[in-house]
Amino acid sequence: MINIGQEIRKELQAQERQVSWLATKMGCSRSTLYSIFDKTSIDTQTLLQLSRVLQRNFFALYIEELSQDANS
């Protein structure tokens, strides 16, 4: 199972960006982002916005998981 909040946090760290930078880009507070980091699921509109800002297709993680399920 994908923990999307952890994946988003890992990507932010990999890009060596601060939570405050992402909060500004997303138009939300840092506390909102910390809340997202703790979630195992997220609404698609927010995930799309995060994918655009961080330039990573987080939806691909779910597609990978579906492919692995189909091959099992």
PDB file of N, CA and C in Angstrom:
ATOM      1  N   MET A   1       0.844  -1.182   0.000  1.00  0.00           N
ATOM      2  CA  MET A   1       0.000   0.000   0.000  1.00  0.00           C
ATOM      3  C   MET A   1       0.890   1.246   0.000  1.00  0.00           C
ATOM      4  N   ILE A   2       0.508   2.211  -0.760  1.00  0.00           N
ATOM      5  CA  ILE A   2       1.258   3.455  -0.896  1.00  0.00           C
ATOM      6  C   ILE A   2       0.896   4.402   0.248  1.00  0.00           C
ATOM      7  N   ASN A   3       1.904   4.974   0.863  1.00  0.00           N
ATOM      8  CA  ASN A   3       1.682   6.038   1.833  1.00  0.00           C
ATOM      9  C   ASN A   3       2.017   7.337   1.107  1.00  0.00           C
ATOM     10  N   ILE A   4       1.022   7.945   0.527  1.00  0.00           N
ATOM     11  CA  ILE A   4       1.237   9.084  -0.351  1.00  0.00           C
ATOM     12  C   ILE A   4       1.844  10.276   0.379  1.00  0.00           C
ATOM     13  N   GLY A   5       1.482  10.463   1.616  1.00  0.00           N
ATOM     14  CA  GLY A   5       2.055  11.565   2.382  1.00  0.00           C
ATOM     15  C   GLY A   5       3.557  11.432   2.529  1.00  0.00           C
ATOM     16  N   GLN A   6       4.021  10.225   2.806  1.00  0.00           N
ATOM     17  CA  GLN A   6       5.455   9.981   2.923  1.00  0.00           C
ATOM     18  C   GLN A   6       6.149  10.161   1.579  1.00  0.00           C
ATOM     19  N   GLU A   7       5.494   9.743   0.506  1.00  0.00           N
ATOM     20  CA  GLU A   7       6.074   9.899  -0.837  1.00  0.00           C
ATOM     21  C   GLU A   7       6.237  11.378  -1.196  1.00  0.00           C
ATOM     22  N   ILE A   8       5.263  12.179  -0.843  1.00  0.00           N
ATOM     23  CA  ILE A   8       5.340  13.615  -1.110  1.00  0.00           C
ATOM     24  C   ILE A   8       6.468  14.231  -0.293  1.00  0.00           C
ATOM     25  N   ARG A   9       6.562  13.859   0.965  1.00  0.00           N
ATOM     26  CA  ARG A   9       7.634  14.374   1.830  1.00  0.00           C
ATOM     27  C   ARG A   9       9.009  13.968   1.284  1.00  0.00           C
ATOM     28  N   LYS A  10       9.139  12.710   0.861  1.00  0.00           N
ATOM     29  CA  LYS A  10      10.410  12.241   0.303  1.00  0.00           C
ATOM     30  C   LYS A  10      10.805  13.025  -0.942  1.00  0.00           C
ATOM     31  N   GLU A  11       9.824  13.302  -1.795  1.00  0.00           N
ATOM     32  CA  GLU A  11      10.106  14.061  -3.020  1.00  0.00           C
ATOM     33  C   GLU A  11      10.544  15.485  -2.686  1.00  0.00           C
ATOM     34  N   LEU A  12       9.883  16.090  -1.736  1.00  0.00           N
ATOM     35  CA  LEU A  12      10.256  17.439  -1.318  1.00  0.00           C
ATOM     36  C   LEU A  12      11.693  17.450  -0.791  1.00  0.00           C
ATOM     37  N   GLN A  13      12.048  16.462  -0.001  1.00  0.00           N
ATOM     38  CA  GLN A  13      13.410  16.359   0.528  1.00  0.00           C
ATOM     39  C   GLN A  13      14.411  16.079  -0.590  1.00  0.00           C
ATOM     40  N   ALA A  14      14.053  15.223  -1.529  1.00  0.00           N
ATOM     41  CA  ALA A  14      14.947  14.901  -2.653  1.00  0.00           C
ATOM     42  C   ALA A  14      15.254  16.145  -3.482  1.00  0.00           C
ATOM     43  N   GLN A  15      14.272  17.025  -3.573  1.00  0.00           N
ATOM     44  CA  GLN A  15      14.469  18.275  -4.316  1.00  0.00           C
ATOM     45  C   GLN A  15      15.133  19.354  -3.470  1.00  0.00           C
ATOM     46  N   GLU A  16      15.415  19.006  -2.223  1.00  0.00           N
ATOM     47  CA  GLU A  16      16.053  19.933  -1.283  1.00  0.00           C
ATOM     48  C   GLU A  16      15.280  21.240  -1.159  1.00  0.00           C
ATOM     49  N   ARG A  17      13.972  21.095  -1.061  1.00  0.00           N
ATOM     50  CA  ARG A  17      13.097  22.256  -0.910  1.00  0.00           C
ATOM     51  C   ARG A  17      12.493  22.247   0.495  1.00  0.00           C
ATOM     52  N   GLN A  18      12.123  23.420   0.939  1.00  0.00           N
ATOM     53  CA  GLN A  18      11.550  23.592   2.268  1.00  0.00           C
ATOM     54  C   GLN A  18      10.020  23.485   2.215  1.00  0.00           C
ATOM     55  N   VAL A  19       9.445  23.107   3.340  1.00  0.00           N
ATOM     56  CA  VAL A  19       7.990  23.034   3.441  1.00  0.00           C
ATOM     57  C   VAL A  19       7.382  24.416   3.196  1.00  0.00           C
ATOM     58  N   SER A  20       8.052  25.450   3.651  1.00  0.00           N
ATOM     59  CA  SER A  20       7.531  26.811   3.441  1.00  0.00           C
ATOM     60  C   SER A  20       7.457  27.156   1.953  1.00  0.00           C
ATOM     61  N   TRP A  21       8.438  26.676   1.163  1.00  0.00           N
ATOM     62  CA  TRP A  21       8.418  26.898  -0.290  1.00  0.00           C
ATOM     63  C   TRP A  21       7.183  26.236  -0.897  1.00  0.00           C
ATOM     64  N   LEU A  22       6.953  24.969  -0.513  1.00  0.00           N
ATOM     65  CA  LEU A  22       5.808  24.238  -1.056  1.00  0.00           C
ATOM     66  C   LEU A  22       4.492  24.865  -0.612  1.00  0.00           C
ATOM     67  N   ALA A  23       4.429  25.314   0.627  1.00  0.00           N
ATOM     68  CA  ALA A  23       3.210  25.964   1.125  1.00  0.00           C
ATOM     69  C   ALA A  23       2.891  27.212   0.299  1.00  0.00           C
ATOM     70  N   THR A  24       3.919  27.984  -0.021  1.00  0.00           N
ATOM     71  CA  THR A  24       3.719  29.179  -0.847  1.00  0.00           C
ATOM     72  C   THR A  24       3.212  28.799  -2.229  1.00  0.00           C
ATOM     73  N   LYS A  25       3.840  27.808  -2.848  1.00  0.00           N
ATOM     74  CA  LYS A  25       3.433  27.362  -4.183  1.00  0.00           C
ATOM     75  C   LYS A  25       2.018  26.791  -4.188  1.00  0.00           C
ATOM     76  N   MET A  26       1.644  26.105  -3.111  1.00  0.00           N
ATOM     77  CA  MET A  26       0.326  25.470  -3.023  1.00  0.00           C
ATOM     78  C   MET A  26      -0.755  26.442  -2.548  1.00  0.00           C
ATOM     79  N   GLY A  27      -0.335  27.554  -1.975  1.00  0.00           N
ATOM     80  CA  GLY A  27      -1.302  28.508  -1.442  1.00  0.00           C
ATOM     81  C   GLY A  27      -1.966  27.999  -0.178  1.00  0.00           C
ATOM     82  N   CYS A  28      -1.173  27.326   0.661  1.00  0.00           N
ATOM     83  CA  CYS A  28      -1.713  26.803   1.913  1.00  0.00           C
ATOM     84  C   CYS A  28      -0.698  27.030   3.022  1.00  0.00           C
ATOM     85  N   SER A  29      -1.034  26.617   4.218  1.00  0.00           N
ATOM     86  CA  SER A  29      -0.128  26.787   5.348  1.00  0.00           C
ATOM     87  C   SER A  29       0.810  25.589   5.480  1.00  0.00           C
ATOM     88  N   ARG A  30       1.883  25.793   6.206  1.00  0.00           N
ATOM     89  CA  ARG A  30       2.811  24.691   6.473  1.00  0.00           C
ATOM     90  C   ARG A  30       2.117  23.602   7.271  1.00  0.00           C
ATOM     91  N   SER A  31       1.246  23.991   8.188  1.00  0.00           N
ATOM     92  CA  SER A  31       0.546  22.983   8.998  1.00  0.00           C
ATOM     93  C   SER A  31      -0.357  22.108   8.128  1.00  0.00           C
ATOM     94  N   THR A  32      -0.923  22.672   7.081  1.00  0.00           N
ATOM     95  CA  THR A  32      -1.722  21.877   6.150  1.00  0.00           C
ATOM     96  C   THR A  32      -0.842  20.834   5.471  1.00  0.00           C
ATOM     97  N   LEU A  33       0.359  21.233   5.077  1.00  0.00           N
ATOM     98  CA  LEU A  33       1.276  20.289   4.432  1.00  0.00           C
ATOM     99  C   LEU A  33       1.728  19.203   5.396  1.00  0.00           C
ATOM    100  N   TYR A  34       2.017  19.581   6.629  1.00  0.00           N
ATOM    101  CA  TYR A  34       2.412  18.560   7.600  1.00  0.00           C
ATOM    102  C   TYR A  34       1.274  17.559   7.809  1.00  0.00           C
ATOM    103  N   SER A  35       0.066  18.040   7.739  1.00  0.00           N
ATOM    104  CA  SER A  35      -1.096  17.156   7.838  1.00  0.00           C
ATOM    105  C   SER A  35      -1.148  16.207   6.644  1.00  0.00           C
ATOM    106  N   ILE A  36      -0.863  16.719   5.453  1.00  0.00           N
ATOM    107  CA  ILE A  36      -0.834  15.888   4.245  1.00  0.00           C
ATOM    108  C   ILE A  36       0.249  14.823   4.358  1.00  0.00           C
ATOM    109  N   PHE A  37       1.416  15.191   4.904  1.00  0.00           N
ATOM    110  CA  PHE A  37       2.509  14.230   5.050  1.00  0.00           C
ATOM    111  C   PHE A  37       2.121  13.046   5.921  1.00  0.00           C
ATOM    112  N   ASP A  38       1.178  13.259   6.829  1.00  0.00           N
ATOM    113  CA  ASP A  38       0.737  12.195   7.740  1.00  0.00           C
ATOM    114  C   ASP A  38      -0.385  11.334   7.164  1.00  0.00           C
ATOM    115  N   LYS A  39      -0.873  11.682   5.986  1.00  0.00           N
ATOM    116  CA  LYS A  39      -2.012  10.964   5.402  1.00  0.00           C
ATOM    117  C   LYS A  39      -1.559   9.810   4.515  1.00  0.00           C
ATOM    118  N   THR A  40      -2.372   8.772   4.496  1.00  0.00           N
ATOM    119  CA  THR A  40      -2.114   7.651   3.591  1.00  0.00           C
ATOM    120  C   THR A  40      -2.923   7.778   2.305  1.00  0.00           C
ATOM    121  N   SER A  41      -3.849   8.733   2.281  1.00  0.00           N
ATOM    122  CA  SER A  41      -4.623   8.992   1.065  1.00  0.00           C
ATOM    123  C   SER A  41      -4.848  10.501   0.960  1.00  0.00           C
ATOM    124  N   ILE A  42      -5.180  10.931  -0.254  1.00  0.00           N
ATOM    125  CA  ILE A  42      -5.308  12.363  -0.516  1.00  0.00           C
ATOM    126  C   ILE A  42      -6.303  12.545  -1.660  1.00  0.00           C
ATOM    127  N   ASP A  43      -6.999  13.680  -1.679  1.00  0.00           N
ATOM    128  CA  ASP A  43      -7.952  13.893  -2.770  1.00  0.00           C
ATOM    129  C   ASP A  43      -7.190  14.166  -4.069  1.00  0.00           C
ATOM    130  N   THR A  44      -7.804  13.819  -5.169  1.00  0.00           N
ATOM    131  CA  THR A  44      -7.117  13.871  -6.460  1.00  0.00           C
ATOM    132  C   THR A  44      -6.748  15.283  -6.896  1.00  0.00           C
ATOM    133  N   GLN A  45      -7.555  16.266  -6.573  1.00  0.00           N
ATOM    134  CA  GLN A  45      -7.241  17.639  -6.968  1.00  0.00           C
ATOM    135  C   GLN A  45      -5.963  18.120  -6.273  1.00  0.00           C
ATOM    136  N   THR A  46      -5.844  17.803  -5.002  1.00  0.00           N
ATOM    137  CA  THR A  46      -4.634  18.179  -4.268  1.00  0.00           C
ATOM    138  C   THR A  46      -3.429  17.417  -4.801  1.00  0.00           C
ATOM    139  N   LEU A  47      -3.616  16.145  -5.106  1.00  0.00           N
ATOM    140  CA  LEU A  47      -2.521  15.343  -5.642  1.00  0.00           C
ATOM    141  C   LEU A  47      -2.075  15.872  -7.008  1.00  0.00           C
ATOM    142  N   LEU A  48      -3.011  16.296  -7.818  1.00  0.00           N
ATOM    143  CA  LEU A  48      -2.682  16.887  -9.112  1.00  0.00           C
ATOM    144  C   LEU A  48      -1.873  18.171  -8.934  1.00  0.00           C
ATOM    145  N   GLN A  49      -2.297  19.017  -8.018  1.00  0.00           N
ATOM    146  CA  GLN A  49      -1.587  20.266  -7.757  1.00  0.00           C
ATOM    147  C   GLN A  49      -0.174  19.985  -7.249  1.00  0.00           C
ATOM    148  N   LEU A  50      -0.036  19.029  -6.336  1.00  0.00           N
ATOM    149  CA  LEU A  50       1.288  18.660  -5.829  1.00  0.00           C
ATOM    150  C   LEU A  50       2.162  18.096  -6.942  1.00  0.00           C
ATOM    151  N   SER A  51       1.573  17.295  -7.818  1.00  0.00           N
ATOM    152  CA  SER A  51       2.318  16.735  -8.947  1.00  0.00           C
ATOM    153  C   SER A  51       2.847  17.842  -9.848  1.00  0.00           C
ATOM    154  N   ARG A  52       2.037  18.841 -10.085  1.00  0.00           N
ATOM    155  CA  ARG A  52       2.456  19.959 -10.931  1.00  0.00           C
ATOM    156  C   ARG A  52       3.559  20.784 -10.272  1.00  0.00           C
ATOM    157  N   VAL A  53       3.359  21.124  -9.003  1.00  0.00           N
ATOM    158  CA  VAL A  53       4.333  21.962  -8.304  1.00  0.00           C
ATOM    159  C   VAL A  53       5.675  21.246  -8.164  1.00  0.00           C
ATOM    160  N   LEU A  54       5.632  19.967  -7.793  1.00  0.00           N
ATOM    161  CA  LEU A  54       6.869  19.215  -7.583  1.00  0.00           C
ATOM    162  C   LEU A  54       7.382  18.555  -8.862  1.00  0.00           C
ATOM    163  N   GLN A  55       6.619  18.707  -9.940  1.00  0.00           N
ATOM    164  CA  GLN A  55       6.985  18.141 -11.244  1.00  0.00           C
ATOM    165  C   GLN A  55       7.279  16.638 -11.147  1.00  0.00           C
ATOM    166  N   ARG A  56       6.391  15.944 -10.469  1.00  0.00           N
ATOM    167  CA  ARG A  56       6.459  14.488 -10.364  1.00  0.00           C
ATOM    168  C   ARG A  56       5.040  13.949 -10.425  1.00  0.00           C
ATOM    169  N   ASN A  57       4.837  12.932 -11.229  1.00  0.00           N
ATOM    170  CA  ASN A  57       3.519  12.344 -11.373  1.00  0.00           C
ATOM    171  C   ASN A  57       3.284  11.335 -10.249  1.00  0.00           C
ATOM    172  N   PHE A  58       2.664  11.796  -9.177  1.00  0.00           N
ATOM    173  CA  PHE A  58       2.383  10.916  -8.048  1.00  0.00           C
ATOM    174  C   PHE A  58       1.322   9.870  -8.385  1.00  0.00           C
ATOM    175  N   PHE A  59       0.515  10.135  -9.396  1.00  0.00           N
ATOM    176  CA  PHE A  59      -0.483   9.156  -9.829  1.00  0.00           C
ATOM    177  C   PHE A  59       0.200   7.892 -10.348  1.00  0.00           C
ATOM    178  N   ALA A  60       1.394   8.032 -10.880  1.00  0.00           N
ATOM    179  CA  ALA A  60       2.135   6.884 -11.412  1.00  0.00           C
ATOM    180  C   ALA A  60       2.394   5.830 -10.338  1.00  0.00           C
ATOM    181  N   LEU A  61       2.512   6.264  -9.095  1.00  0.00           N
ATOM    182  CA  LEU A  61       2.707   5.303  -8.002  1.00  0.00           C
ATOM    183  C   LEU A  61       1.521   4.336  -7.903  1.00  0.00           C
ATOM    184  N   TYR A  62       0.325   4.870  -8.095  1.00  0.00           N
ATOM    185  CA  TYR A  62      -0.880   4.041  -8.028  1.00  0.00           C
ATOM    186  C   TYR A  62      -0.992   3.135  -9.249  1.00  0.00           C
ATOM    187  N   ILE A  63      -0.585   3.645 -10.400  1.00  0.00           N
ATOM    188  CA  ILE A  63      -0.606   2.831 -11.618  1.00  0.00           C
ATOM    189  C   ILE A  63       0.352   1.657 -11.469  1.00  0.00           C
ATOM    190  N   GLU A  64       1.531   1.922 -10.915  1.00  0.00           N
ATOM    191  CA  GLU A  64       2.494   0.852 -10.649  1.00  0.00           C
ATOM    192  C   GLU A  64       1.910  -0.206  -9.732  1.00  0.00           C
ATOM    193  N   GLU A  65       1.268   0.254  -8.679  1.00  0.00           N
ATOM    194  CA  GLU A  65       0.666  -0.683  -7.727  1.00  0.00           C
ATOM    195  C   GLU A  65      -0.409  -1.536  -8.399  1.00  0.00           C
ATOM    196  N   LEU A  66      -1.222  -0.918  -9.240  1.00  0.00           N
ATOM    197  CA  LEU A  66      -2.252  -1.665  -9.966  1.00  0.00           C
ATOM    198  C   LEU A  66      -1.641  -2.700 -10.892  1.00  0.00           C
ATOM    199  N   SER A  67      -0.567  -2.337 -11.554  1.00  0.00           N
ATOM    200  CA  SER A  67       0.123  -3.272 -12.450  1.00  0.00           C
ATOM    201  C   SER A  67       0.676  -4.455 -11.685  1.00  0.00           C
ATOM    202  N   GLN A  68       1.244  -4.185 -10.522  1.00  0.00           N
ATOM    203  CA  GLN A  68       1.784  -5.270  -9.706  1.00  0.00           C
ATOM    204  C   GLN A  68       0.661  -6.183  -9.226  1.00  0.00           C
ATOM    205  N   ASP A  69      -0.485  -5.599  -8.862  1.00  0.00           N
ATOM    206  CA  ASP A  69      -1.623  -6.409  -8.430  1.00  0.00           C
ATOM    207  C   ASP A  69      -2.105  -7.316  -9.565  1.00  0.00           C
ATOM    208  N   ALA A  70      -2.119  -6.765 -10.777  1.00  0.00           N
ATOM    209  CA  ALA A  70      -2.596  -7.531 -11.934  1.00  0.00           C
ATOM    210  C   ALA A  70      -1.659  -8.681 -12.273  1.00  0.00           C
ATOM    211  N   ASN A  71      -0.371  -8.501 -11.989  1.00  0.00           N
ATOM    212  CA  ASN A  71       0.615  -9.536 -12.282  1.00  0.00           C
ATOM    213  C   ASN A  71       0.734 -10.573 -11.176  1.00  0.00           C
ATOM    214  N   SER A  72       0.057 -10.367 -10.087  1.00  0.00           N
ATOM    215  CA  SER A  72       0.150 -11.316  -8.957  1.00  0.00           C
ATOM    216  C   SER A  72      -0.775 -12.486  -9.121  1.00  0.00           C
TER     217      SER A  72
END
